[in-house]
């Protein structure tokens, strides 16, 4: 009975040591003496470089089979609801060849489906889907959240092709759409966005105009006259538009986009 108690005691100490996280030494009583002694436990660090990031897994690049196309079409309604993340993962598994099926979701009734289609395109980095994203961003009957997301992803995948959407959105009746166009323009290093932004400086909404002039500063690095944009009126901003227009008319033939400033953060 005494020996049994000693072993119970030893095992109790061993469990306690493991729980407390002692990495190199543990308590033990191998001969039943009732005295606890330290025992060295071999330790090997986990191998380095074994973790594989999801982005490092190559996507499927082969054309979809008829069965895979049918499967992709069946996944579209699942982009809304409890299985939406699983469905997005399945599209990522199918790869960019699934884009022709995926973009069909941009015209489906559920706004959640349309938003998740755009998010899936972003995950796929599917440049081939940019024309469909531009069309969605330009669609006046689409909800602002979806239009803004479509523009944002299009700009990051192929900024040059997004100019068309920016031009349309900059004239939209919804001020949040106009602001999205003014803000995203700063990531489009194309001369075509400069006159669009200049035309937005005189916007009746101050926050739209402020986004536009900030994008202009980022793209052109033109040191314009100092103005109090925060408290400006529409009339003030229309007058400042003339200043920018005069500058651009004298620069547009020879202007070249300056090199982007390096930042420690990714946009």
C-alpha atoms as a PDB file:
ATOM      1  CA  UNK A   1       0.000   0.000   0.000  1.00  0.00           C
ATOM      2  CA  UNK A   2       2.925   2.309   0.872  1.00  0.00           C
ATOM      3  CA  UNK A   3       4.620   1.605  -2.490  1.00  0.00           C
ATOM      4  CA  UNK A   4       1.368   2.400  -4.314  1.00  0.00           C
ATOM      5  CA  UNK A   5       1.108   5.751  -2.513  1.00  0.00           C
ATOM      6  CA  UNK A   6       4.697   6.551  -3.416  1.00  0.00           C
ATOM      7  CA  UNK A   7       4.031   5.937  -7.105  1.00  0.00           C
ATOM      8  CA  UNK A   8       0.836   7.980  -6.943  1.00  0.00           C
ATOM      9  CA  UNK A   9       2.834  10.768  -5.380  1.00  0.00           C
ATOM     10  CA  UNK A  10       5.505  10.551  -8.068  1.00  0.00           C
ATOM     11  CA  UNK A  11       2.969  10.579 -10.888  1.00  0.00           C
ATOM     12  CA  UNK A  12       1.197  13.532  -9.277  1.00  0.00           C
ATOM     13  CA  UNK A  13       4.443  15.513  -9.238  1.00  0.00           C
ATOM     14  CA  UNK A  14       5.100  14.518 -12.849  1.00  0.00           C
ATOM     15  CA  UNK A  15       1.673  15.732 -13.984  1.00  0.00           C
ATOM     16  CA  UNK A  16       2.114  18.970 -12.034  1.00  0.00           C
ATOM     17  CA  UNK A  17       5.454  19.607 -13.729  1.00  0.00           C
ATOM     18  CA  UNK A  18       3.959  19.070 -17.162  1.00  0.00           C
ATOM     19  CA  UNK A  19       1.046  21.399 -16.379  1.00  0.00           C
ATOM     20  CA  UNK A  20       3.398  24.075 -15.113  1.00  0.00           C
ATOM     21  CA  UNK A  21       5.332  23.811 -18.334  1.00  0.00           C
ATOM     22  CA  UNK A  22       8.832  22.880 -17.108  1.00  0.00           C
ATOM     23  CA  UNK A  23      10.496  22.266 -20.487  1.00  0.00           C
ATOM     24  CA  UNK A  24      13.781  20.607 -19.631  1.00  0.00           C
ATOM     25  CA  UNK A  25      13.439  18.778 -16.288  1.00  0.00           C
ATOM     26  CA  UNK A  26      10.721  16.724 -14.631  1.00  0.00           C
ATOM     27  CA  UNK A  27      10.291  15.169 -11.193  1.00  0.00           C
ATOM     28  CA  UNK A  28      10.371  11.363 -10.902  1.00  0.00           C
ATOM     29  CA  UNK A  29      10.902   8.519  -8.402  1.00  0.00           C
ATOM     30  CA  UNK A  30      12.117   5.586 -10.516  1.00  0.00           C
ATOM     31  CA  UNK A  31      13.013   3.241  -7.620  1.00  0.00           C
ATOM     32  CA  UNK A  32      10.221   3.944  -5.187  1.00  0.00           C
ATOM     33  CA  UNK A  33      12.419   5.575  -2.557  1.00  0.00           C
ATOM     34  CA  UNK A  34       9.902   8.254  -1.762  1.00  0.00           C
ATOM     35  CA  UNK A  35      12.397  10.940  -2.709  1.00  0.00           C
ATOM     36  CA  UNK A  36      11.808  13.110  -5.746  1.00  0.00           C
ATOM     37  CA  UNK A  37      14.790  13.578  -8.070  1.00  0.00           C
ATOM     38  CA  UNK A  38      15.306  15.617 -11.215  1.00  0.00           C
ATOM     39  CA  UNK A  39      15.344  13.782 -14.522  1.00  0.00           C
ATOM     40  CA  UNK A  40      16.616  15.392 -17.734  1.00  0.00           C
ATOM     41  CA  UNK A  41      14.078  15.139 -20.569  1.00  0.00           C
ATOM     42  CA  UNK A  42      15.405  15.384 -24.150  1.00  0.00           C
ATOM     43  CA  UNK A  43      13.930  18.362 -26.001  1.00  0.00           C
ATOM     44  CA  UNK A  44      13.913  18.987 -29.706  1.00  0.00           C
ATOM     45  CA  UNK A  45      12.683  22.271 -31.144  1.00  0.00           C
ATOM     46  CA  UNK A  46      10.022  21.998 -33.858  1.00  0.00           C
ATOM     47  CA  UNK A  47      11.476  22.100 -37.371  1.00  0.00           C
ATOM     48  CA  UNK A  48      11.616  25.535 -38.946  1.00  0.00           C
ATOM     49  CA  UNK A  49      10.056  26.487 -42.237  1.00  0.00           C
ATOM     50  CA  UNK A  50       7.420  23.783 -42.166  1.00  0.00           C
ATOM     51  CA  UNK A  51       4.415  26.107 -42.157  1.00  0.00           C
ATOM     52  CA  UNK A  52       2.957  26.518 -45.635  1.00  0.00           C
ATOM     53  CA  UNK A  53       1.022  29.702 -46.281  1.00  0.00           C
ATOM     54  CA  UNK A  54      -2.246  29.419 -48.160  1.00  0.00           C
ATOM     55  CA  UNK A  55      -0.962  31.820 -50.816  1.00  0.00           C
ATOM     56  CA  UNK A  56       2.004  29.539 -51.514  1.00  0.00           C
ATOM     57  CA  UNK A  57      -0.276  26.717 -52.652  1.00  0.00           C
ATOM     58  CA  UNK A  58      -0.451  26.955 -56.459  1.00  0.00           C
ATOM     59  CA  UNK A  59      -3.919  27.554 -57.858  1.00  0.00           C
ATOM     60  CA  UNK A  60      -5.486  25.424 -60.501  1.00  0.00           C
ATOM     61  CA  UNK A  61      -4.657  26.766 -63.952  1.00  0.00           C
ATOM     62  CA  UNK A  62      -6.196  24.050 -66.079  1.00  0.00           C
ATOM     63  CA  UNK A  63      -9.532  24.682 -67.821  1.00  0.00           C
ATOM     64  CA  UNK A  64     -12.489  23.430 -65.823  1.00  0.00           C
ATOM     65  CA  UNK A  65     -14.102  20.205 -66.853  1.00  0.00           C
ATOM     66  CA  UNK A  66     -17.837  20.122 -67.536  1.00  0.00           C
ATOM     67  CA  UNK A  67     -18.336  18.601 -64.108  1.00  0.00           C
ATOM     68  CA  UNK A  68     -16.273  21.351 -62.442  1.00  0.00           C
ATOM     69  CA  UNK A  69     -18.219  24.065 -64.270  1.00  0.00           C
ATOM     70  CA  UNK A  70     -21.449  22.537 -63.026  1.00  0.00           C
ATOM     71  CA  UNK A  71     -20.011  22.424 -59.519  1.00  0.00           C
ATOM     72  CA  UNK A  72     -18.952  26.083 -59.711  1.00  0.00           C
ATOM     73  CA  UNK A  73     -22.437  27.133 -60.808  1.00  0.00           C
ATOM     74  CA  UNK A  74     -23.911  25.226 -57.869  1.00  0.00           C
ATOM     75  CA  UNK A  75     -21.579  27.118 -55.523  1.00  0.00           C
ATOM     76  CA  UNK A  76     -22.843  30.583 -56.498  1.00  0.00           C
ATOM     77  CA  UNK A  77     -26.013  30.568 -54.317  1.00  0.00           C
ATOM     78  CA  UNK A  78     -23.891  29.361 -51.384  1.00  0.00           C
ATOM     79  CA  UNK A  79     -21.901  32.603 -51.394  1.00  0.00           C
ATOM     80  CA  UNK A  80     -24.605  33.908 -49.081  1.00  0.00           C
ATOM     81  CA  UNK A  81     -25.383  32.249 -45.765  1.00  0.00           C
ATOM     82  CA  UNK A  82     -23.689  29.903 -43.314  1.00  0.00           C
ATOM     83  CA  UNK A  83     -21.589  28.196 -45.987  1.00  0.00           C
ATOM     84  CA  UNK A  84     -20.335  31.339 -47.717  1.00  0.00           C
ATOM     85  CA  UNK A  85     -16.730  31.049 -46.519  1.00  0.00           C
ATOM     86  CA  UNK A  86     -16.606  27.412 -47.523  1.00  0.00           C
ATOM     87  CA  UNK A  87     -17.994  28.296 -50.968  1.00  0.00           C
ATOM     88  CA  UNK A  88     -15.397  31.053 -51.380  1.00  0.00           C
ATOM     89  CA  UNK A  89     -12.692  28.547 -50.508  1.00  0.00           C
ATOM     90  CA  UNK A  90     -14.013  26.143 -53.118  1.00  0.00           C
ATOM     91  CA  UNK A  91     -13.802  28.842 -55.788  1.00  0.00           C
ATOM     92  CA  UNK A  92     -10.241  29.596 -54.723  1.00  0.00           C
ATOM     93  CA  UNK A  93      -9.494  25.890 -55.085  1.00  0.00           C
ATOM     94  CA  UNK A  94     -10.917  25.932 -58.618  1.00  0.00           C
ATOM     95  CA  UNK A  95      -8.695  28.885 -59.448  1.00  0.00           C
ATOM     96  CA  UNK A  96      -8.942  31.636 -62.055  1.00  0.00           C
ATOM     97  CA  UNK A  97     -10.454  29.294 -64.674  1.00  0.00           C
ATOM     98  CA  UNK A  98     -13.632  29.541 -62.566  1.00  0.00           C
ATOM     99  CA  UNK A  99     -13.876  33.322 -63.091  1.00  0.00           C
ATOM    100  CA  UNK A 100     -16.348  33.148 -66.038  1.00  0.00           C
ATOM    101  CA  UNK A 101     -18.749  31.308 -63.738  1.00  0.00           C
ATOM    102  CA  UNK A 102     -17.906  33.394 -60.677  1.00  0.00           C
ATOM    103  CA  UNK A 103     -18.665  36.759 -62.295  1.00  0.00           C
ATOM    104  CA  UNK A 104     -22.194  35.570 -63.042  1.00  0.00           C
ATOM    105  CA  UNK A 105     -22.774  36.135 -59.335  1.00  0.00           C
ATOM    106  CA  UNK A 106     -22.360  39.884 -59.875  1.00  0.00           C
ATOM    107  CA  UNK A 107     -25.866  39.966 -61.362  1.00  0.00           C
ATOM    108  CA  UNK A 108     -27.547  37.665 -58.829  1.00  0.00           C
ATOM    109  CA  UNK A 109     -30.262  39.115 -56.551  1.00  0.00           C
ATOM    110  CA  UNK A 110     -28.499  38.885 -53.189  1.00  0.00           C
ATOM    111  CA  UNK A 111     -26.145  41.826 -52.449  1.00  0.00           C
ATOM    112  CA  UNK A 112     -24.217  39.569 -50.081  1.00  0.00           C
ATOM    113  CA  UNK A 113     -23.534  37.169 -52.943  1.00  0.00           C
ATOM    114  CA  UNK A 114     -22.335  40.022 -55.154  1.00  0.00           C
ATOM    115  CA  UNK A 115     -20.049  41.360 -52.434  1.00  0.00           C
ATOM    116  CA  UNK A 116     -18.578  37.910 -51.767  1.00  0.00           C
ATOM    117  CA  UNK A 117     -18.006  37.375 -55.489  1.00  0.00           C
ATOM    118  CA  UNK A 118     -15.825  40.493 -55.463  1.00  0.00           C
ATOM    119  CA  UNK A 119     -14.020  39.321 -52.346  1.00  0.00           C
ATOM    120  CA  UNK A 120     -13.364  35.931 -53.936  1.00  0.00           C
ATOM    121  CA  UNK A 121     -11.974  37.627 -57.060  1.00  0.00           C
ATOM    122  CA  UNK A 122      -9.642  39.561 -54.780  1.00  0.00           C
ATOM    123  CA  UNK A 123      -8.491  36.330 -53.118  1.00  0.00           C
ATOM    124  CA  UNK A 124      -7.866  34.788 -56.538  1.00  0.00           C
ATOM    125  CA  UNK A 125      -6.031  37.922 -57.734  1.00  0.00           C
ATOM    126  CA  UNK A 126      -7.979  37.322 -60.926  1.00  0.00           C
ATOM    127  CA  UNK A 127      -6.976  40.119 -63.310  1.00  0.00           C
ATOM    128  CA  UNK A 128      -9.249  38.613 -65.951  1.00  0.00           C
ATOM    129  CA  UNK A 129     -12.243  39.635 -63.812  1.00  0.00           C
ATOM    130  CA  UNK A 130     -11.392  43.362 -63.832  1.00  0.00           C
ATOM    131  CA  UNK A 131     -13.746  44.275 -66.735  1.00  0.00           C
ATOM    132  CA  UNK A 132     -16.633  42.700 -64.803  1.00  0.00           C
ATOM    133  CA  UNK A 133     -15.611  44.611 -61.660  1.00  0.00           C
ATOM    134  CA  UNK A 134     -15.486  47.884 -63.605  1.00  0.00           C
ATOM    135  CA  UNK A 135     -18.978  47.213 -64.933  1.00  0.00           C
ATOM    136  CA  UNK A 136     -20.226  46.539 -61.389  1.00  0.00           C
ATOM    137  CA  UNK A 137     -18.608  49.728 -60.094  1.00  0.00           C
ATOM    138  CA  UNK A 138     -20.310  51.767 -62.830  1.00  0.00           C
ATOM    139  CA  UNK A 139     -23.741  50.212 -62.309  1.00  0.00           C
ATOM    140  CA  UNK A 140     -26.014  53.002 -60.966  1.00  0.00           C
ATOM    141  CA  UNK A 141     -28.578  50.560 -59.588  1.00  0.00           C
ATOM    142  CA  UNK A 142     -26.021  48.687 -57.488  1.00  0.00           C
ATOM    143  CA  UNK A 143     -25.763  49.434 -53.766  1.00  0.00           C
ATOM    144  CA  UNK A 144     -22.849  51.728 -52.781  1.00  0.00           C
ATOM    145  CA  UNK A 145     -21.071  49.116 -50.661  1.00  0.00           C
ATOM    146  CA  UNK A 146     -20.786  46.713 -53.580  1.00  0.00           C
ATOM    147  CA  UNK A 147     -19.808  49.419 -56.081  1.00  0.00           C
ATOM    148  CA  UNK A 148     -17.082  50.757 -53.800  1.00  0.00           C
ATOM    149  CA  UNK A 149     -15.695  47.273 -53.185  1.00  0.00           C
ATOM    150  CA  UNK A 150     -15.720  46.502 -56.899  1.00  0.00           C
ATOM    151  CA  UNK A 151     -13.714  49.662 -57.605  1.00  0.00           C
ATOM    152  CA  UNK A 152     -11.275  48.989 -54.771  1.00  0.00           C
ATOM    153  CA  UNK A 153     -10.475  45.468 -55.990  1.00  0.00           C
ATOM    154  CA  UNK A 154     -10.313  46.542 -59.642  1.00  0.00           C
ATOM    155  CA  UNK A 155      -7.795  49.262 -58.784  1.00  0.00           C
ATOM    156  CA  UNK A 156      -5.575  46.818 -56.949  1.00  0.00           C
ATOM    157  CA  UNK A 157      -5.696  44.204 -59.692  1.00  0.00           C
ATOM    158  CA  UNK A 158      -5.312  46.443 -62.757  1.00  0.00           C
ATOM    159  CA  UNK A 159      -5.403  50.151 -61.947  1.00  0.00           C
ATOM    160  CA  UNK A 160      -5.196  51.337 -65.553  1.00  0.00           C
ATOM    161  CA  UNK A 161      -8.471  49.643 -66.434  1.00  0.00           C
ATOM    162  CA  UNK A 162     -10.235  51.248 -63.469  1.00  0.00           C
ATOM    163  CA  UNK A 163     -10.031  54.803 -64.844  1.00  0.00           C
ATOM    164  CA  UNK A 164     -13.303  54.323 -66.705  1.00  0.00           C
ATOM    165  CA  UNK A 165     -15.119  53.428 -63.482  1.00  0.00           C
ATOM    166  CA  UNK A 166     -13.549  56.348 -61.606  1.00  0.00           C
ATOM    167  CA  UNK A 167     -14.727  58.792 -64.253  1.00  0.00           C
ATOM    168  CA  UNK A 168     -18.315  57.545 -63.981  1.00  0.00           C
ATOM    169  CA  UNK A 169     -18.345  57.318 -60.190  1.00  0.00           C
ATOM    170  CA  UNK A 170     -16.890  60.808 -59.776  1.00  0.00           C
ATOM    171  CA  UNK A 171     -20.128  62.191 -61.271  1.00  0.00           C
ATOM    172  CA  UNK A 172     -22.535  59.963 -59.336  1.00  0.00           C
ATOM    173  CA  UNK A 173     -25.423  61.480 -57.375  1.00  0.00           C
ATOM    174  CA  UNK A 174     -24.352  59.608 -54.228  1.00  0.00           C
ATOM    175  CA  UNK A 175     -21.605  61.509 -52.413  1.00  0.00           C
ATOM    176  CA  UNK A 176     -20.137  58.333 -50.886  1.00  0.00           C
ATOM    177  CA  UNK A 177     -19.628  56.978 -54.416  1.00  0.00           C
ATOM    178  CA  UNK A 178     -17.921  60.201 -55.467  1.00  0.00           C
ATOM    179  CA  UNK A 179     -15.673  60.049 -52.412  1.00  0.00           C
ATOM    180  CA  UNK A 180     -14.710  56.434 -53.211  1.00  0.00           C
ATOM    181  CA  UNK A 181     -13.715  57.498 -56.715  1.00  0.00           C
ATOM    182  CA  UNK A 182     -11.674  60.430 -55.383  1.00  0.00           C
ATOM    183  CA  UNK A 183      -9.958  58.284 -52.748  1.00  0.00           C
ATOM    184  CA  UNK A 184      -9.114  55.264 -54.912  1.00  0.00           C
ATOM    185  CA  UNK A 185      -7.683  57.531 -57.607  1.00  0.00           C
ATOM    186  CA  UNK A 186      -4.546  58.011 -55.530  1.00  0.00           C
ATOM    187  CA  UNK A 187      -3.589  54.412 -56.341  1.00  0.00           C
ATOM    188  CA  UNK A 188      -4.077  54.884 -60.088  1.00  0.00           C
ATOM    189  CA  UNK A 189      -0.865  56.160 -61.593  1.00  0.00           C
ATOM    190  CA  UNK A 190      -2.445  57.274 -64.852  1.00  0.00           C
ATOM    191  CA  UNK A 191      -2.522  60.844 -66.158  1.00  0.00           C
ATOM    192  CA  UNK A 192      -6.173  60.365 -67.114  1.00  0.00           C
ATOM    193  CA  UNK A 193      -7.274  60.587 -63.474  1.00  0.00           C
ATOM    194  CA  UNK A 194      -5.757  64.037 -62.921  1.00  0.00           C
ATOM    195  CA  UNK A 195      -8.443  66.063 -64.772  1.00  0.00           C
ATOM    196  CA  UNK A 196     -11.114  63.864 -63.165  1.00  0.00           C
ATOM    197  CA  UNK A 197      -9.812  64.757 -59.713  1.00  0.00           C
ATOM    198  CA  UNK A 198      -9.477  68.432 -60.570  1.00  0.00           C
ATOM    199  CA  UNK A 199     -13.116  68.432 -61.604  1.00  0.00           C
ATOM    200  CA  UNK A 200     -14.015  66.934 -58.226  1.00  0.00           C
ATOM    201  CA  UNK A 201     -12.332  69.662 -56.176  1.00  0.00           C
ATOM    202  CA  UNK A 202     -15.415  71.849 -56.544  1.00  0.00           C
ATOM    203  CA  UNK A 203     -17.739  69.134 -55.231  1.00  0.00           C
ATOM    204  CA  UNK A 204     -20.556  70.399 -53.035  1.00  0.00           C
ATOM    205  CA  UNK A 205     -19.527  67.922 -50.319  1.00  0.00           C
ATOM    206  CA  UNK A 206     -16.378  69.045 -48.540  1.00  0.00           C
ATOM    207  CA  UNK A 207     -15.193  65.522 -47.696  1.00  0.00           C
ATOM    208  CA  UNK A 208     -15.342  64.558 -51.375  1.00  0.00           C
ATOM    209  CA  UNK A 209     -13.317  67.597 -52.391  1.00  0.00           C
ATOM    210  CA  UNK A 210     -10.786  66.970 -49.625  1.00  0.00           C
ATOM    211  CA  UNK A 211     -10.273  63.371 -50.773  1.00  0.00           C
ATOM    212  CA  UNK A 212      -9.785  64.629 -54.323  1.00  0.00           C
ATOM    213  CA  UNK A 213      -7.145  67.220 -53.461  1.00  0.00           C
ATOM    214  CA  UNK A 214      -5.299  64.767 -51.217  1.00  0.00           C
ATOM    215  CA  UNK A 215      -5.178  62.292 -54.107  1.00  0.00           C
ATOM    216  CA  UNK A 216      -3.893  65.068 -56.358  1.00  0.00           C
ATOM    217  CA  UNK A 217      -1.107  65.907 -53.914  1.00  0.00           C
ATOM    218  CA  UNK A 218      -0.120  62.243 -53.695  1.00  0.00           C
ATOM    219  CA  UNK A 219      -0.111  61.714 -57.467  1.00  0.00           C
ATOM    220  CA  UNK A 220       1.403  65.000 -58.638  1.00  0.00           C
ATOM    221  CA  UNK A 221       3.298  66.327 -55.607  1.00  0.00           C
ATOM    222  CA  UNK A 222       2.288  69.756 -56.849  1.00  0.00           C
ATOM    223  CA  UNK A 223       2.703  72.320 -54.075  1.00  0.00           C
ATOM    224  CA  UNK A 224      -0.468  74.301 -54.543  1.00  0.00           C
ATOM    225  CA  UNK A 225      -1.420  77.475 -52.736  1.00  0.00           C
ATOM    226  CA  UNK A 226      -2.350  77.029 -49.093  1.00  0.00           C
ATOM    227  CA  UNK A 227      -6.110  76.912 -48.524  1.00  0.00           C
ATOM    228  CA  UNK A 228      -8.294  76.052 -45.565  1.00  0.00           C
ATOM    229  CA  UNK A 229     -10.036  73.033 -47.046  1.00  0.00           C
ATOM    230  CA  UNK A 230     -11.609  71.979 -43.758  1.00  0.00           C
ATOM    231  CA  UNK A 231     -13.812  75.084 -43.494  1.00  0.00           C
ATOM    232  CA  UNK A 232     -14.118  75.879 -47.198  1.00  0.00           C
ATOM    233  CA  UNK A 233     -17.373  76.611 -48.995  1.00  0.00           C
ATOM    234  CA  UNK A 234     -18.362  75.250 -52.384  1.00  0.00           C
ATOM    235  CA  UNK A 235     -17.577  78.640 -53.911  1.00  0.00           C
ATOM    236  CA  UNK A 236     -14.093  78.550 -52.368  1.00  0.00           C
ATOM    237  CA  UNK A 237     -13.424  75.135 -53.823  1.00  0.00           C
ATOM    238  CA  UNK A 238     -14.659  76.152 -57.258  1.00  0.00           C
ATOM    239  CA  UNK A 239     -12.175  79.026 -57.227  1.00  0.00           C
ATOM    240  CA  UNK A 240      -9.371  76.652 -56.196  1.00  0.00           C
ATOM    241  CA  UNK A 241     -10.375  74.349 -59.037  1.00  0.00           C
ATOM    242  CA  UNK A 242      -9.393  77.124 -61.434  1.00  0.00           C
ATOM    243  CA  UNK A 243      -5.914  77.239 -59.883  1.00  0.00           C
ATOM    244  CA  UNK A 244      -5.437  73.503 -60.384  1.00  0.00           C
ATOM    245  CA  UNK A 245      -6.839  73.659 -63.913  1.00  0.00           C
ATOM    246  CA  UNK A 246      -4.416  76.410 -64.906  1.00  0.00           C
ATOM    247  CA  UNK A 247      -1.515  74.432 -63.474  1.00  0.00           C
ATOM    248  CA  UNK A 248      -2.576  71.256 -65.275  1.00  0.00           C
ATOM    249  CA  UNK A 249      -3.083  72.976 -68.621  1.00  0.00           C
ATOM    250  CA  UNK A 250       0.510  74.118 -68.454  1.00  0.00           C
ATOM    251  CA  UNK A 251       1.850  70.726 -67.375  1.00  0.00           C
ATOM    252  CA  UNK A 252      -0.234  67.994 -68.996  1.00  0.00           C
ATOM    253  CA  UNK A 253       1.824  67.678 -72.201  1.00  0.00           C
ATOM    254  CA  UNK A 254       5.096  67.074 -70.385  1.00  0.00           C
ATOM    255  CA  UNK A 255       3.899  65.789 -67.015  1.00  0.00           C
ATOM    256  CA  UNK A 256       5.185  62.444 -65.801  1.00  0.00           C
ATOM    257  CA  UNK A 257       4.035  60.655 -62.694  1.00  0.00           C
ATOM    258  CA  UNK A 258       6.665  60.957 -59.949  1.00  0.00           C
ATOM    259  CA  UNK A 259       7.930  57.776 -58.348  1.00  0.00           C
ATOM    260  CA  UNK A 260       5.626  56.706 -55.513  1.00  0.00           C
ATOM    261  CA  UNK A 261       6.895  57.400 -52.044  1.00  0.00           C
ATOM    262  CA  UNK A 262       7.951  54.297 -50.181  1.00  0.00           C
ATOM    263  CA  UNK A 263       6.029  53.490 -47.038  1.00  0.00           C
ATOM    264  CA  UNK A 264       6.490  50.923 -44.305  1.00  0.00           C
ATOM    265  CA  UNK A 265       2.852  49.989 -44.631  1.00  0.00           C
ATOM    266  CA  UNK A 266       1.095  48.201 -47.435  1.00  0.00           C
ATOM    267  CA  UNK A 267      -1.924  49.998 -48.765  1.00  0.00           C
END
